[in-house]
């Protein structure tokens, strides 16, 4: 079994696809400076927003799943730098504890595919004197299976359990905590595979497409409770999954970003004021909401 691009095996921490030489065409050039809310109003006047939410994490609590390495570790560090008290979770306990110690946070073992584990963690956080302001649902795996006929029941349930059920369970657990805090943010680590097929890992692509549907469908309801819900969807990220192949892949023309770039993009997304968006992220560019095709007729972004 193979871990996520950006995950140091073994474990359940998350990063992005791109192994196998899949190239993604970058969109038209985007802004070279961080895009603030007032810019979004001009460029995307019809996009939904959650008012009065900012990226100020000072004195707030942030939860990051898959925080032992890769994107999760980079985001945990960035949130701590912004002033948050970070709860790091993973199944790779030594590495997760090390990240938590480094940033002055807390570590908790969490199998994201276990609903009861989420219930227990939520109860612990609810008893904390600090309020949860941000949940970054980042944990995920890759399996590298390209032939559906070769996918066993165990393979299927594992990748859907972690990549899809784990996100739904996390979102369900986080919402009451964020409501108790008066609102907050949920950010999910998606992928370019949320938008396009990834034949080298069909289970991964299927589960990441589900993330896009969840974000776009759940956000309108959550916005009424001052909770934003977005996904950051990077192209290839150069972390543990690439092993020692980064130089070779870059020489072959693959553009690879660092996990720290994803962490900076996460901060920009939190500061955008937008909700219900899947932000495409390419190296050296600001995150931009992916332009999904529209369907004539009913407003499918409305919950009514």
C-alpha atoms as a PDB file:
ATOM      1  CA  UNK A   1       0.000   0.000   0.000  1.00  0.00           C
ATOM      2  CA  UNK A   2       1.256   3.447  -0.826  1.00  0.00           C
ATOM      3  CA  UNK A   3       0.762   6.564   1.251  1.00  0.00           C
ATOM      4  CA  UNK A   4      -0.240   9.983   0.045  1.00  0.00           C
ATOM      5  CA  UNK A   5       2.187  12.116  -1.827  1.00  0.00           C
ATOM      6  CA  UNK A   6       3.629  14.112   1.001  1.00  0.00           C
ATOM      7  CA  UNK A   7       3.073  11.464   3.642  1.00  0.00           C
ATOM      8  CA  UNK A   8       5.938   9.705   5.265  1.00  0.00           C
ATOM      9  CA  UNK A   9       4.942   6.056   5.489  1.00  0.00           C
ATOM     10  CA  UNK A  10       3.564   4.462   7.500  1.00  0.00           C
ATOM     11  CA  UNK A  11       0.558   6.399   8.673  1.00  0.00           C
ATOM     12  CA  UNK A  12      -2.502   8.345   7.849  1.00  0.00           C
ATOM     13  CA  UNK A  13      -1.185  11.807   7.236  1.00  0.00           C
ATOM     14  CA  UNK A  14      -2.076  13.598   4.079  1.00  0.00           C
ATOM     15  CA  UNK A  15      -0.561  15.120   0.987  1.00  0.00           C
ATOM     16  CA  UNK A  16      -1.317  15.183  -2.673  1.00  0.00           C
ATOM     17  CA  UNK A  17      -1.301  13.113  -5.818  1.00  0.00           C
ATOM     18  CA  UNK A  18       1.063  13.476  -8.652  1.00  0.00           C
ATOM     19  CA  UNK A  19       3.177  10.371  -8.324  1.00  0.00           C
ATOM     20  CA  UNK A  20       3.051   8.360 -11.498  1.00  0.00           C
ATOM     21  CA  UNK A  21       3.901  11.295 -13.697  1.00  0.00           C
ATOM     22  CA  UNK A  22       0.422  12.793 -13.976  1.00  0.00           C
ATOM     23  CA  UNK A  23       0.647  16.412 -15.123  1.00  0.00           C
ATOM     24  CA  UNK A  24      -2.039  18.999 -14.551  1.00  0.00           C
ATOM     25  CA  UNK A  25      -2.400  22.024 -16.786  1.00  0.00           C
ATOM     26  CA  UNK A  26      -2.266  25.228 -14.748  1.00  0.00           C
ATOM     27  CA  UNK A  27      -5.143  27.671 -15.122  1.00  0.00           C
ATOM     28  CA  UNK A  28      -4.797  31.199 -16.401  1.00  0.00           C
ATOM     29  CA  UNK A  29      -2.421  33.377 -14.339  1.00  0.00           C
ATOM     30  CA  UNK A  30      -3.870  34.518 -11.042  1.00  0.00           C
ATOM     31  CA  UNK A  31      -3.054  37.208  -8.540  1.00  0.00           C
ATOM     32  CA  UNK A  32       0.535  37.545  -7.396  1.00  0.00           C
ATOM     33  CA  UNK A  33      -0.451  39.017  -4.028  1.00  0.00           C
ATOM     34  CA  UNK A  34      -2.675  37.458  -1.372  1.00  0.00           C
ATOM     35  CA  UNK A  35      -6.280  37.984  -2.400  1.00  0.00           C
ATOM     36  CA  UNK A  36      -8.279  39.750   0.296  1.00  0.00           C
ATOM     37  CA  UNK A  37     -12.014  39.841   0.756  1.00  0.00           C
ATOM     38  CA  UNK A  38     -12.490  43.182  -0.989  1.00  0.00           C
ATOM     39  CA  UNK A  39     -10.751  41.788  -4.072  1.00  0.00           C
ATOM     40  CA  UNK A  40     -13.005  38.745  -4.003  1.00  0.00           C
ATOM     41  CA  UNK A  41     -16.062  40.958  -3.986  1.00  0.00           C
ATOM     42  CA  UNK A  42     -14.909  42.577  -7.211  1.00  0.00           C
ATOM     43  CA  UNK A  43     -13.775  39.420  -8.981  1.00  0.00           C
ATOM     44  CA  UNK A  44     -16.368  36.948  -7.745  1.00  0.00           C
ATOM     45  CA  UNK A  45     -19.482  38.965  -6.830  1.00  0.00           C
ATOM     46  CA  UNK A  46     -21.795  35.929  -6.851  1.00  0.00           C
ATOM     47  CA  UNK A  47     -19.708  33.726  -4.584  1.00  0.00           C
ATOM     48  CA  UNK A  48     -20.994  32.967  -1.122  1.00  0.00           C
ATOM     49  CA  UNK A  49     -19.301  34.443   1.911  1.00  0.00           C
ATOM     50  CA  UNK A  50     -19.401  34.082   5.652  1.00  0.00           C
ATOM     51  CA  UNK A  51     -19.341  37.542   7.191  1.00  0.00           C
ATOM     52  CA  UNK A  52     -17.270  38.664  10.153  1.00  0.00           C
ATOM     53  CA  UNK A  53     -14.823  35.752   9.995  1.00  0.00           C
ATOM     54  CA  UNK A  54     -11.131  36.537   9.813  1.00  0.00           C
ATOM     55  CA  UNK A  55      -7.887  34.634   9.874  1.00  0.00           C
ATOM     56  CA  UNK A  56      -6.976  35.884  13.368  1.00  0.00           C
ATOM     57  CA  UNK A  57      -6.110  32.698  15.242  1.00  0.00           C
ATOM     58  CA  UNK A  58      -4.609  34.377  18.310  1.00  0.00           C
ATOM     59  CA  UNK A  59      -5.839  32.601  21.397  1.00  0.00           C
ATOM     60  CA  UNK A  60      -7.969  30.230  19.309  1.00  0.00           C
ATOM     61  CA  UNK A  61      -7.828  26.450  19.039  1.00  0.00           C
ATOM     62  CA  UNK A  62      -7.100  24.704  15.743  1.00  0.00           C
ATOM     63  CA  UNK A  63      -7.377  20.986  15.066  1.00  0.00           C
ATOM     64  CA  UNK A  64      -5.293  19.361  12.320  1.00  0.00           C
ATOM     65  CA  UNK A  65      -5.641  15.720  11.307  1.00  0.00           C
ATOM     66  CA  UNK A  66      -2.735  13.909   9.695  1.00  0.00           C
ATOM     67  CA  UNK A  67      -0.366  16.338  11.407  1.00  0.00           C
ATOM     68  CA  UNK A  68       2.639  14.046  11.812  1.00  0.00           C
ATOM     69  CA  UNK A  69       4.256  15.056   8.519  1.00  0.00           C
ATOM     70  CA  UNK A  70       3.755  16.610   5.114  1.00  0.00           C
ATOM     71  CA  UNK A  71       0.946  19.091   4.576  1.00  0.00           C
ATOM     72  CA  UNK A  72      -0.561  18.446   8.003  1.00  0.00           C
ATOM     73  CA  UNK A  73       2.668  19.230   9.830  1.00  0.00           C
ATOM     74  CA  UNK A  74       3.282  22.344   7.727  1.00  0.00           C
ATOM     75  CA  UNK A  75      -0.229  23.643   8.390  1.00  0.00           C
ATOM     76  CA  UNK A  76      -0.005  22.887  12.111  1.00  0.00           C
ATOM     77  CA  UNK A  77       3.205  24.922  12.271  1.00  0.00           C
ATOM     78  CA  UNK A  78       1.663  27.781  10.309  1.00  0.00           C
ATOM     79  CA  UNK A  79      -1.440  27.932  12.483  1.00  0.00           C
ATOM     80  CA  UNK A  80       0.722  27.954  15.608  1.00  0.00           C
ATOM     81  CA  UNK A  81       2.770  30.770  14.083  1.00  0.00           C
ATOM     82  CA  UNK A  82      -0.500  32.687  13.635  1.00  0.00           C
ATOM     83  CA  UNK A  83      -1.187  32.331  17.354  1.00  0.00           C
ATOM     84  CA  UNK A  84      -3.367  29.233  17.529  1.00  0.00           C
ATOM     85  CA  UNK A  85      -3.201  26.506  20.116  1.00  0.00           C
ATOM     86  CA  UNK A  86      -2.997  23.462  17.852  1.00  0.00           C
ATOM     87  CA  UNK A  87      -4.307  19.975  18.509  1.00  0.00           C
ATOM     88  CA  UNK A  88      -2.301  17.647  16.270  1.00  0.00           C
ATOM     89  CA  UNK A  89      -3.782  14.241  15.466  1.00  0.00           C
ATOM     90  CA  UNK A  90      -2.445  11.243  13.584  1.00  0.00           C
ATOM     91  CA  UNK A  91      -1.859   7.521  13.945  1.00  0.00           C
ATOM     92  CA  UNK A  92       1.939   7.877  13.790  1.00  0.00           C
ATOM     93  CA  UNK A  93       2.298   8.828  17.409  1.00  0.00           C
ATOM     94  CA  UNK A  94       6.019   9.551  17.754  1.00  0.00           C
ATOM     95  CA  UNK A  95       6.124  11.895  14.761  1.00  0.00           C
ATOM     96  CA  UNK A  96       2.833  13.526  15.696  1.00  0.00           C
ATOM     97  CA  UNK A  97       3.970  14.151  19.261  1.00  0.00           C
ATOM     98  CA  UNK A  98       7.213  15.630  17.949  1.00  0.00           C
ATOM     99  CA  UNK A  99       5.333  18.167  15.814  1.00  0.00           C
ATOM    100  CA  UNK A 100       3.053  19.048  18.728  1.00  0.00           C
ATOM    101  CA  UNK A 101       6.013  19.541  21.066  1.00  0.00           C
ATOM    102  CA  UNK A 102       7.785  21.685  18.493  1.00  0.00           C
ATOM    103  CA  UNK A 103       4.877  24.126  18.196  1.00  0.00           C
ATOM    104  CA  UNK A 104       3.732  24.050  21.810  1.00  0.00           C
ATOM    105  CA  UNK A 105       0.556  22.188  20.924  1.00  0.00           C
ATOM    106  CA  UNK A 106      -1.109  18.951  21.987  1.00  0.00           C
ATOM    107  CA  UNK A 107      -1.090  15.560  20.341  1.00  0.00           C
ATOM    108  CA  UNK A 108      -3.913  13.043  20.270  1.00  0.00           C
ATOM    109  CA  UNK A 109      -3.964   9.669  18.560  1.00  0.00           C
ATOM    110  CA  UNK A 110      -6.879   9.630  16.124  1.00  0.00           C
ATOM    111  CA  UNK A 111      -7.984   7.099  13.543  1.00  0.00           C
ATOM    112  CA  UNK A 112     -10.155   9.384  11.430  1.00  0.00           C
ATOM    113  CA  UNK A 113     -12.109   6.439  10.025  1.00  0.00           C
ATOM    114  CA  UNK A 114     -13.349   5.570  13.531  1.00  0.00           C
ATOM    115  CA  UNK A 115     -16.551   7.469  14.301  1.00  0.00           C
ATOM    116  CA  UNK A 116     -16.344   6.685  18.017  1.00  0.00           C
ATOM    117  CA  UNK A 117     -12.828   8.118  18.169  1.00  0.00           C
ATOM    118  CA  UNK A 118     -14.162  11.392  16.775  1.00  0.00           C
ATOM    119  CA  UNK A 119     -16.938  11.400  19.374  1.00  0.00           C
ATOM    120  CA  UNK A 120     -14.403  10.974  22.172  1.00  0.00           C
ATOM    121  CA  UNK A 121     -12.117  13.693  20.816  1.00  0.00           C
ATOM    122  CA  UNK A 122     -15.021  16.112  20.377  1.00  0.00           C
ATOM    123  CA  UNK A 123     -16.070  15.546  23.994  1.00  0.00           C
ATOM    124  CA  UNK A 124     -12.540  16.327  25.141  1.00  0.00           C
ATOM    125  CA  UNK A 125     -12.352  19.499  23.070  1.00  0.00           C
ATOM    126  CA  UNK A 126     -15.801  20.585  24.275  1.00  0.00           C
ATOM    127  CA  UNK A 127     -14.537  20.455  27.866  1.00  0.00           C
ATOM    128  CA  UNK A 128     -11.517  22.579  26.967  1.00  0.00           C
ATOM    129  CA  UNK A 129     -11.654  26.197  28.174  1.00  0.00           C
ATOM    130  CA  UNK A 130     -10.603  27.339  24.702  1.00  0.00           C
ATOM    131  CA  UNK A 131     -13.057  27.235  21.808  1.00  0.00           C
ATOM    132  CA  UNK A 132     -12.398  25.402  18.550  1.00  0.00           C
ATOM    133  CA  UNK A 133     -12.084  27.989  15.794  1.00  0.00           C
ATOM    134  CA  UNK A 134     -10.584  25.905  12.976  1.00  0.00           C
ATOM    135  CA  UNK A 135     -10.754  22.250  11.956  1.00  0.00           C
ATOM    136  CA  UNK A 136      -8.387  21.264   9.157  1.00  0.00           C
ATOM    137  CA  UNK A 137      -9.404  17.803   7.953  1.00  0.00           C
ATOM    138  CA  UNK A 138      -6.225  16.783   6.218  1.00  0.00           C
ATOM    139  CA  UNK A 139      -5.645  13.063   6.843  1.00  0.00           C
ATOM    140  CA  UNK A 140      -5.746  10.763   3.845  1.00  0.00           C
ATOM    141  CA  UNK A 141      -4.000   7.995   1.950  1.00  0.00           C
ATOM    142  CA  UNK A 142      -3.217   6.862  -1.563  1.00  0.00           C
ATOM    143  CA  UNK A 143      -3.242   3.231  -2.641  1.00  0.00           C
ATOM    144  CA  UNK A 144      -1.982   3.266  -6.221  1.00  0.00           C
ATOM    145  CA  UNK A 145      -4.607   0.887  -7.618  1.00  0.00           C
ATOM    146  CA  UNK A 146      -5.467   1.506 -11.258  1.00  0.00           C
ATOM    147  CA  UNK A 147      -7.516  -1.627 -12.034  1.00  0.00           C
ATOM    148  CA  UNK A 148     -10.935  -1.768 -10.391  1.00  0.00           C
ATOM    149  CA  UNK A 149     -10.970  -5.544 -10.867  1.00  0.00           C
ATOM    150  CA  UNK A 150      -7.976  -5.782  -8.541  1.00  0.00           C
ATOM    151  CA  UNK A 151      -9.498  -3.664  -5.763  1.00  0.00           C
ATOM    152  CA  UNK A 152     -10.389  -5.865  -2.810  1.00  0.00           C
ATOM    153  CA  UNK A 153     -13.144  -5.086  -0.326  1.00  0.00           C
ATOM    154  CA  UNK A 154     -10.424  -4.245   2.186  1.00  0.00           C
ATOM    155  CA  UNK A 155      -8.747  -1.828  -0.233  1.00  0.00           C
ATOM    156  CA  UNK A 156     -12.032  -0.097  -1.012  1.00  0.00           C
ATOM    157  CA  UNK A 157     -13.206   0.237   2.571  1.00  0.00           C
ATOM    158  CA  UNK A 158      -9.812   1.477   3.726  1.00  0.00           C
ATOM    159  CA  UNK A 159      -9.435   4.315   1.241  1.00  0.00           C
ATOM    160  CA  UNK A 160     -13.085   5.383   1.477  1.00  0.00           C
ATOM    161  CA  UNK A 161     -12.969   5.005   5.256  1.00  0.00           C
ATOM    162  CA  UNK A 162     -10.017   7.361   5.663  1.00  0.00           C
ATOM    163  CA  UNK A 163     -10.417   9.772   2.754  1.00  0.00           C
ATOM    164  CA  UNK A 164     -14.200  10.122   2.750  1.00  0.00           C
ATOM    165  CA  UNK A 165     -15.764   8.804   5.957  1.00  0.00           C
ATOM    166  CA  UNK A 166     -12.952  10.355   7.989  1.00  0.00           C
ATOM    167  CA  UNK A 167     -13.758  13.776   6.576  1.00  0.00           C
ATOM    168  CA  UNK A 168     -17.510  13.414   7.099  1.00  0.00           C
ATOM    169  CA  UNK A 169     -17.009  12.194  10.668  1.00  0.00           C
ATOM    170  CA  UNK A 170     -14.618  15.075  11.323  1.00  0.00           C
ATOM    171  CA  UNK A 171     -16.972  17.669   9.898  1.00  0.00           C
ATOM    172  CA  UNK A 172     -19.879  16.267  11.877  1.00  0.00           C
ATOM    173  CA  UNK A 173     -17.848  16.377  15.097  1.00  0.00           C
ATOM    174  CA  UNK A 174     -16.488  19.870  14.464  1.00  0.00           C
ATOM    175  CA  UNK A 175     -19.719  21.708  13.653  1.00  0.00           C
ATOM    176  CA  UNK A 176     -21.198  21.773  17.192  1.00  0.00           C
ATOM    177  CA  UNK A 177     -17.829  22.869  18.589  1.00  0.00           C
ATOM    178  CA  UNK A 178     -17.539  25.693  16.066  1.00  0.00           C
ATOM    179  CA  UNK A 179     -21.121  26.744  16.745  1.00  0.00           C
ATOM    180  CA  UNK A 180     -20.343  26.924  20.458  1.00  0.00           C
ATOM    181  CA  UNK A 181     -17.478  29.276  19.615  1.00  0.00           C
ATOM    182  CA  UNK A 182     -19.795  31.551  17.651  1.00  0.00           C
ATOM    183  CA  UNK A 183     -18.540  30.371  14.264  1.00  0.00           C
ATOM    184  CA  UNK A 184     -15.303  29.306  12.663  1.00  0.00           C
ATOM    185  CA  UNK A 185     -13.678  27.510   9.784  1.00  0.00           C
ATOM    186  CA  UNK A 186     -13.428  24.017   8.343  1.00  0.00           C
ATOM    187  CA  UNK A 187     -10.772  23.425   5.709  1.00  0.00           C
ATOM    188  CA  UNK A 188     -10.379  20.099   3.920  1.00  0.00           C
ATOM    189  CA  UNK A 189      -7.278  19.035   2.036  1.00  0.00           C
ATOM    190  CA  UNK A 190      -8.480  18.017  -1.390  1.00  0.00           C
ATOM    191  CA  UNK A 191      -6.435  17.546  -4.530  1.00  0.00           C
ATOM    192  CA  UNK A 192      -6.292  18.144  -8.247  1.00  0.00           C
ATOM    193  CA  UNK A 193      -7.886  14.690  -8.233  1.00  0.00           C
ATOM    194  CA  UNK A 194     -10.977  16.405  -6.821  1.00  0.00           C
ATOM    195  CA  UNK A 195     -11.489  17.864 -10.300  1.00  0.00           C
ATOM    196  CA  UNK A 196      -9.897  15.475 -12.762  1.00  0.00           C
ATOM    197  CA  UNK A 197      -9.447  11.717 -13.161  1.00  0.00           C
ATOM    198  CA  UNK A 198      -6.376  10.024 -11.767  1.00  0.00           C
ATOM    199  CA  UNK A 199      -6.210   6.639 -13.526  1.00  0.00           C
ATOM    200  CA  UNK A 200      -3.168   5.521 -11.543  1.00  0.00           C
ATOM    201  CA  UNK A 201      -5.212   5.638  -8.313  1.00  0.00           C
ATOM    202  CA  UNK A 202      -8.934   5.352  -8.973  1.00  0.00           C
ATOM    203  CA  UNK A 203      -9.906   4.986  -5.305  1.00  0.00           C
ATOM    204  CA  UNK A 204      -8.066   8.151  -4.395  1.00  0.00           C
ATOM    205  CA  UNK A 205      -9.628  10.154  -7.215  1.00  0.00           C
ATOM    206  CA  UNK A 206     -13.093   8.846  -6.367  1.00  0.00           C
ATOM    207  CA  UNK A 207     -12.730   9.827  -2.717  1.00  0.00           C
ATOM    208  CA  UNK A 208     -11.367  13.272  -3.568  1.00  0.00           C
ATOM    209  CA  UNK A 209     -14.228  13.964  -5.971  1.00  0.00           C
ATOM    210  CA  UNK A 210     -16.496  13.267  -2.998  1.00  0.00           C
ATOM    211  CA  UNK A 211     -14.724  16.000  -1.028  1.00  0.00           C
ATOM    212  CA  UNK A 212     -15.622  18.574  -3.670  1.00  0.00           C
ATOM    213  CA  UNK A 213     -19.267  17.510  -3.551  1.00  0.00           C
ATOM    214  CA  UNK A 214     -19.326  17.660   0.240  1.00  0.00           C
ATOM    215  CA  UNK A 215     -17.846  21.149   0.367  1.00  0.00           C
ATOM    216  CA  UNK A 216     -20.203  22.580  -2.218  1.00  0.00           C
ATOM    217  CA  UNK A 217     -23.294  20.892  -0.783  1.00  0.00           C
ATOM    218  CA  UNK A 218     -22.756  21.430   2.950  1.00  0.00           C
ATOM    219  CA  UNK A 219     -21.454  25.007   2.876  1.00  0.00           C
ATOM    220  CA  UNK A 220     -24.770  26.878   2.365  1.00  0.00           C
ATOM    221  CA  UNK A 221     -26.275  25.354   5.497  1.00  0.00           C
ATOM    222  CA  UNK A 222     -23.135  25.959   7.561  1.00  0.00           C
ATOM    223  CA  UNK A 223     -22.856  29.562   6.391  1.00  0.00           C
ATOM    224  CA  UNK A 224     -26.066  30.325   8.259  1.00  0.00           C
ATOM    225  CA  UNK A 225     -24.186  29.334  11.416  1.00  0.00           C
ATOM    226  CA  UNK A 226     -21.146  31.482  10.571  1.00  0.00           C
ATOM    227  CA  UNK A 227     -19.042  28.452   9.669  1.00  0.00           C
ATOM    228  CA  UNK A 228     -17.006  28.502   6.476  1.00  0.00           C
ATOM    229  CA  UNK A 229     -16.266  25.265   4.621  1.00  0.00           C
ATOM    230  CA  UNK A 230     -13.667  25.137   1.853  1.00  0.00           C
ATOM    231  CA  UNK A 231     -11.110  22.768   0.348  1.00  0.00           C
ATOM    232  CA  UNK A 232      -7.527  23.458  -0.650  1.00  0.00           C
ATOM    233  CA  UNK A 233      -6.711  21.370  -3.719  1.00  0.00           C
ATOM    234  CA  UNK A 234      -3.009  21.448  -4.596  1.00  0.00           C
ATOM    235  CA  UNK A 235      -1.193  19.844  -7.471  1.00  0.00           C
ATOM    236  CA  UNK A 236       1.892  17.737  -6.732  1.00  0.00           C
ATOM    237  CA  UNK A 237       3.420  18.369  -3.318  1.00  0.00           C
ATOM    238  CA  UNK A 238       7.002  17.310  -2.671  1.00  0.00           C
ATOM    239  CA  UNK A 239       6.929  15.505   0.631  1.00  0.00           C
ATOM    240  CA  UNK A 240       7.610  12.009   1.920  1.00  0.00           C
ATOM    241  CA  UNK A 241       5.713  10.079  -0.723  1.00  0.00           C
ATOM    242  CA  UNK A 242       8.090  11.184  -3.459  1.00  0.00           C
ATOM    243  CA  UNK A 243      10.958   9.605  -1.580  1.00  0.00           C
ATOM    244  CA  UNK A 244      14.241  10.390  -3.307  1.00  0.00           C
ATOM    245  CA  UNK A 245      12.600  10.963  -6.679  1.00  0.00           C
ATOM    246  CA  UNK A 246      11.951  14.696  -6.505  1.00  0.00           C
ATOM    247  CA  UNK A 247      15.021  15.736  -8.494  1.00  0.00           C
ATOM    248  CA  UNK A 248      14.306  13.160 -11.185  1.00  0.00           C
ATOM    249  CA  UNK A 249      10.660  14.182 -11.450  1.00  0.00           C
ATOM    250  CA  UNK A 250      11.493  17.872 -11.654  1.00  0.00           C
ATOM    251  CA  UNK A 251      14.104  17.158 -14.315  1.00  0.00           C
ATOM    252  CA  UNK A 252      11.352  15.406 -16.274  1.00  0.00           C
ATOM    253  CA  UNK A 253       9.247  18.565 -16.140  1.00  0.00           C
ATOM    254  CA  UNK A 254       6.964  17.941 -13.168  1.00  0.00           C
ATOM    255  CA  UNK A 255       6.283  21.087 -11.150  1.00  0.00           C
ATOM    256  CA  UNK A 256       6.410  20.287  -7.448  1.00  0.00           C
ATOM    257  CA  UNK A 257       5.501  22.602  -4.595  1.00  0.00           C
ATOM    258  CA  UNK A 258       6.521  22.407  -0.962  1.00  0.00           C
ATOM    259  CA  UNK A 259       4.098  21.661   1.857  1.00  0.00           C
ATOM    260  CA  UNK A 260       4.783  25.125   3.254  1.00  0.00           C
ATOM    261  CA  UNK A 261       3.207  26.627   0.125  1.00  0.00           C
ATOM    262  CA  UNK A 262       0.025  24.726   0.899  1.00  0.00           C
ATOM    263  CA  UNK A 263       0.111  26.064   4.460  1.00  0.00           C
ATOM    264  CA  UNK A 264       0.352  29.642   3.183  1.00  0.00           C
ATOM    265  CA  UNK A 265      -2.499  28.957   0.778  1.00  0.00           C
ATOM    266  CA  UNK A 266      -4.562  27.648   3.683  1.00  0.00           C
ATOM    267  CA  UNK A 267      -4.095  30.954   5.500  1.00  0.00           C
ATOM    268  CA  UNK A 268      -5.133  32.891   2.393  1.00  0.00           C
ATOM    269  CA  UNK A 269      -8.262  30.764   2.014  1.00  0.00           C
ATOM    270  CA  UNK A 270      -9.219  31.317   5.643  1.00  0.00           C
ATOM    271  CA  UNK A 271      -8.764  35.049   5.110  1.00  0.00           C
ATOM    272  CA  UNK A 272     -10.793  35.162   1.883  1.00  0.00           C
ATOM    273  CA  UNK A 273     -14.210  35.276   3.508  1.00  0.00           C
ATOM    274  CA  UNK A 274     -15.452  32.749   0.946  1.00  0.00           C
ATOM    275  CA  UNK A 275     -17.215  29.483   1.637  1.00  0.00           C
ATOM    276  CA  UNK A 276     -18.263  26.471  -0.424  1.00  0.00           C
ATOM    277  CA  UNK A 277     -15.187  26.708  -2.646  1.00  0.00           C
ATOM    278  CA  UNK A 278     -12.569  24.214  -3.802  1.00  0.00           C
ATOM    279  CA  UNK A 279      -9.408  26.248  -4.272  1.00  0.00           C
ATOM    280  CA  UNK A 280      -7.036  25.021  -6.974  1.00  0.00           C
ATOM    281  CA  UNK A 281      -3.407  25.569  -6.028  1.00  0.00           C
ATOM    282  CA  UNK A 282      -0.370  25.517  -8.306  1.00  0.00           C
ATOM    283  CA  UNK A 283       3.214  26.272  -7.386  1.00  0.00           C
ATOM    284  CA  UNK A 284       3.971  29.979  -7.199  1.00  0.00           C
ATOM    285  CA  UNK A 285       0.335  31.036  -7.494  1.00  0.00           C
ATOM    286  CA  UNK A 286      -2.360  32.161  -5.151  1.00  0.00           C
ATOM    287  CA  UNK A 287      -5.231  29.714  -4.538  1.00  0.00           C
ATOM    288  CA  UNK A 288      -8.185  30.312  -6.841  1.00  0.00           C
ATOM    289  CA  UNK A 289     -11.728  28.895  -6.639  1.00  0.00           C
ATOM    290  CA  UNK A 290     -12.125  26.153  -9.213  1.00  0.00           C
ATOM    291  CA  UNK A 291     -14.642  27.092 -11.898  1.00  0.00           C
ATOM    292  CA  UNK A 292     -17.143  24.243 -11.962  1.00  0.00           C
ATOM    293  CA  UNK A 293     -19.515  24.005 -14.898  1.00  0.00           C
ATOM    294  CA  UNK A 294     -22.945  25.396 -14.160  1.00  0.00           C
ATOM    295  CA  UNK A 295     -26.199  23.565 -14.776  1.00  0.00           C
ATOM    296  CA  UNK A 296     -29.135  25.612 -16.094  1.00  0.00           C
ATOM    297  CA  UNK A 297     -32.194  25.658 -13.905  1.00  0.00           C
ATOM    298  CA  UNK A 298     -32.377  25.416 -10.136  1.00  0.00           C
ATOM    299  CA  UNK A 299     -29.841  27.035  -7.849  1.00  0.00           C
ATOM    300  CA  UNK A 300     -28.086  23.948  -6.573  1.00  0.00           C
ATOM    301  CA  UNK A 301     -26.077  26.018  -4.086  1.00  0.00           C
ATOM    302  CA  UNK A 302     -29.215  26.792  -2.109  1.00  0.00           C
ATOM    303  CA  UNK A 303     -30.183  24.408   0.675  1.00  0.00           C
ATOM    304  CA  UNK A 304     -33.870  25.128   0.156  1.00  0.00           C
END
